[in-house]
């Protein structure tokens, strides 16, 4: 996807789509697909009780680490 630079908002006329334009739906689909592939954090459902703040922080770090590894795996899939 090419990157375009604009000096002013008035130069962005060709970027906007009219409501109902099929290009609009494809653009939205591409954005949602990209977001799903790049940022899809998962946290176990439920309420967790911890004995201390440090225990809670350790659990949160484990979840974040797992999400980051999943992100790296998805990223390597995209590059293939």
C-alpha atoms as a PDB file:
ATOM      1  CA  UNK A   1       0.000   0.000   0.000  1.00  0.00           C
ATOM      2  CA  UNK A   2       1.545   3.327  -1.010  1.00  0.00           C
ATOM      3  CA  UNK A   3       2.041   6.111   1.513  1.00  0.00           C
ATOM      4  CA  UNK A   4       0.834   9.519   0.435  1.00  0.00           C
ATOM      5  CA  UNK A   5       1.734  12.803   2.099  1.00  0.00           C
ATOM      6  CA  UNK A   6      -0.523  15.816   2.176  1.00  0.00           C
ATOM      7  CA  UNK A   7       0.360  19.404   3.003  1.00  0.00           C
ATOM      8  CA  UNK A   8      -3.249  20.394   3.484  1.00  0.00           C
ATOM      9  CA  UNK A   9      -6.629  18.727   4.028  1.00  0.00           C
ATOM     10  CA  UNK A  10      -7.840  20.144   0.716  1.00  0.00           C
ATOM     11  CA  UNK A  11      -5.364  17.808  -1.051  1.00  0.00           C
ATOM     12  CA  UNK A  12      -7.143  14.781   0.423  1.00  0.00           C
ATOM     13  CA  UNK A  13     -10.206  14.971  -1.848  1.00  0.00           C
ATOM     14  CA  UNK A  14      -9.478  11.698  -3.644  1.00  0.00           C
ATOM     15  CA  UNK A  15      -9.084   9.847  -0.326  1.00  0.00           C
ATOM     16  CA  UNK A  16     -12.724  10.137   0.767  1.00  0.00           C
ATOM     17  CA  UNK A  17     -15.408   7.767  -0.488  1.00  0.00           C
ATOM     18  CA  UNK A  18     -19.077   8.497  -0.946  1.00  0.00           C
ATOM     19  CA  UNK A  19     -21.537   6.530   1.226  1.00  0.00           C
ATOM     20  CA  UNK A  20     -22.458   3.299  -0.548  1.00  0.00           C
ATOM     21  CA  UNK A  21     -19.340   3.256  -2.720  1.00  0.00           C
ATOM     22  CA  UNK A  22     -17.984  -0.329  -2.989  1.00  0.00           C
ATOM     23  CA  UNK A  23     -14.453   1.039  -2.497  1.00  0.00           C
ATOM     24  CA  UNK A  24     -15.510   2.271   0.942  1.00  0.00           C
ATOM     25  CA  UNK A  25     -16.543  -1.213   2.040  1.00  0.00           C
ATOM     26  CA  UNK A  26     -13.280  -2.708   0.763  1.00  0.00           C
ATOM     27  CA  UNK A  27     -11.270  -0.017   2.564  1.00  0.00           C
ATOM     28  CA  UNK A  28     -13.110  -0.681   5.829  1.00  0.00           C
ATOM     29  CA  UNK A  29     -12.630  -4.425   5.425  1.00  0.00           C
ATOM     30  CA  UNK A  30      -8.899  -3.915   4.861  1.00  0.00           C
ATOM     31  CA  UNK A  31      -8.625  -1.744   7.965  1.00  0.00           C
ATOM     32  CA  UNK A  32     -10.445  -4.281  10.149  1.00  0.00           C
ATOM     33  CA  UNK A  33      -8.386  -7.166   8.758  1.00  0.00           C
ATOM     34  CA  UNK A  34      -5.178  -5.277   9.430  1.00  0.00           C
ATOM     35  CA  UNK A  35      -6.277  -4.417  12.968  1.00  0.00           C
ATOM     36  CA  UNK A  36      -7.249  -8.026  13.686  1.00  0.00           C
ATOM     37  CA  UNK A  37      -3.875  -9.286  12.481  1.00  0.00           C
ATOM     38  CA  UNK A  38      -1.780  -6.657  14.202  1.00  0.00           C
ATOM     39  CA  UNK A  39      -3.612  -6.068  17.457  1.00  0.00           C
ATOM     40  CA  UNK A  40      -5.642  -8.917  18.863  1.00  0.00           C
ATOM     41  CA  UNK A  41      -4.866  -9.091  22.577  1.00  0.00           C
ATOM     42  CA  UNK A  42      -6.483 -11.868  24.519  1.00  0.00           C
ATOM     43  CA  UNK A  43      -7.050 -11.917  28.240  1.00  0.00           C
ATOM     44  CA  UNK A  44      -8.672 -14.788  30.092  1.00  0.00           C
ATOM     45  CA  UNK A  45     -12.265 -13.977  31.021  1.00  0.00           C
ATOM     46  CA  UNK A  46     -13.298 -13.635  34.617  1.00  0.00           C
ATOM     47  CA  UNK A  47     -12.351 -11.813  37.767  1.00  0.00           C
ATOM     48  CA  UNK A  48      -9.017 -12.554  39.387  1.00  0.00           C
ATOM     49  CA  UNK A  49      -8.169 -11.930  43.009  1.00  0.00           C
ATOM     50  CA  UNK A  50      -4.559 -11.470  44.037  1.00  0.00           C
ATOM     51  CA  UNK A  51      -2.939 -11.381  47.431  1.00  0.00           C
ATOM     52  CA  UNK A  52      -0.752  -8.417  46.540  1.00  0.00           C
ATOM     53  CA  UNK A  53      -0.187  -5.806  43.868  1.00  0.00           C
ATOM     54  CA  UNK A  54       3.080  -7.459  42.874  1.00  0.00           C
ATOM     55  CA  UNK A  55       1.252 -10.763  42.307  1.00  0.00           C
ATOM     56  CA  UNK A  56      -1.309  -8.951  40.142  1.00  0.00           C
ATOM     57  CA  UNK A  57       1.473  -7.225  38.178  1.00  0.00           C
ATOM     58  CA  UNK A  58       3.212 -10.559  37.589  1.00  0.00           C
ATOM     59  CA  UNK A  59      -0.022 -12.068  36.218  1.00  0.00           C
ATOM     60  CA  UNK A  60      -0.589  -9.062  33.978  1.00  0.00           C
ATOM     61  CA  UNK A  61       2.972  -9.292  32.657  1.00  0.00           C
ATOM     62  CA  UNK A  62       2.438 -12.974  31.809  1.00  0.00           C
ATOM     63  CA  UNK A  63      -0.664 -12.087  29.803  1.00  0.00           C
ATOM     64  CA  UNK A  64       1.136  -9.244  28.038  1.00  0.00           C
ATOM     65  CA  UNK A  65       4.085 -11.494  27.205  1.00  0.00           C
ATOM     66  CA  UNK A  66       1.740 -14.121  25.767  1.00  0.00           C
ATOM     67  CA  UNK A  67      -0.002 -11.444  23.684  1.00  0.00           C
ATOM     68  CA  UNK A  68       3.334 -10.164  22.400  1.00  0.00           C
ATOM     69  CA  UNK A  69       4.468 -13.659  21.386  1.00  0.00           C
ATOM     70  CA  UNK A  70       1.134 -14.150  19.584  1.00  0.00           C
ATOM     71  CA  UNK A  71       1.637 -10.801  17.843  1.00  0.00           C
ATOM     72  CA  UNK A  72       5.112 -11.837  16.692  1.00  0.00           C
ATOM     73  CA  UNK A  73       3.722 -15.134  15.379  1.00  0.00           C
ATOM     74  CA  UNK A  74       0.984 -13.305  13.446  1.00  0.00           C
ATOM     75  CA  UNK A  75       3.547 -10.833  12.107  1.00  0.00           C
ATOM     76  CA  UNK A  76       5.789 -13.616  10.833  1.00  0.00           C
ATOM     77  CA  UNK A  77       2.743 -15.160   9.114  1.00  0.00           C
ATOM     78  CA  UNK A  78       1.996 -11.865   7.377  1.00  0.00           C
ATOM     79  CA  UNK A  79       5.567 -11.575   6.071  1.00  0.00           C
ATOM     80  CA  UNK A  80       5.405 -15.012   4.407  1.00  0.00           C
END
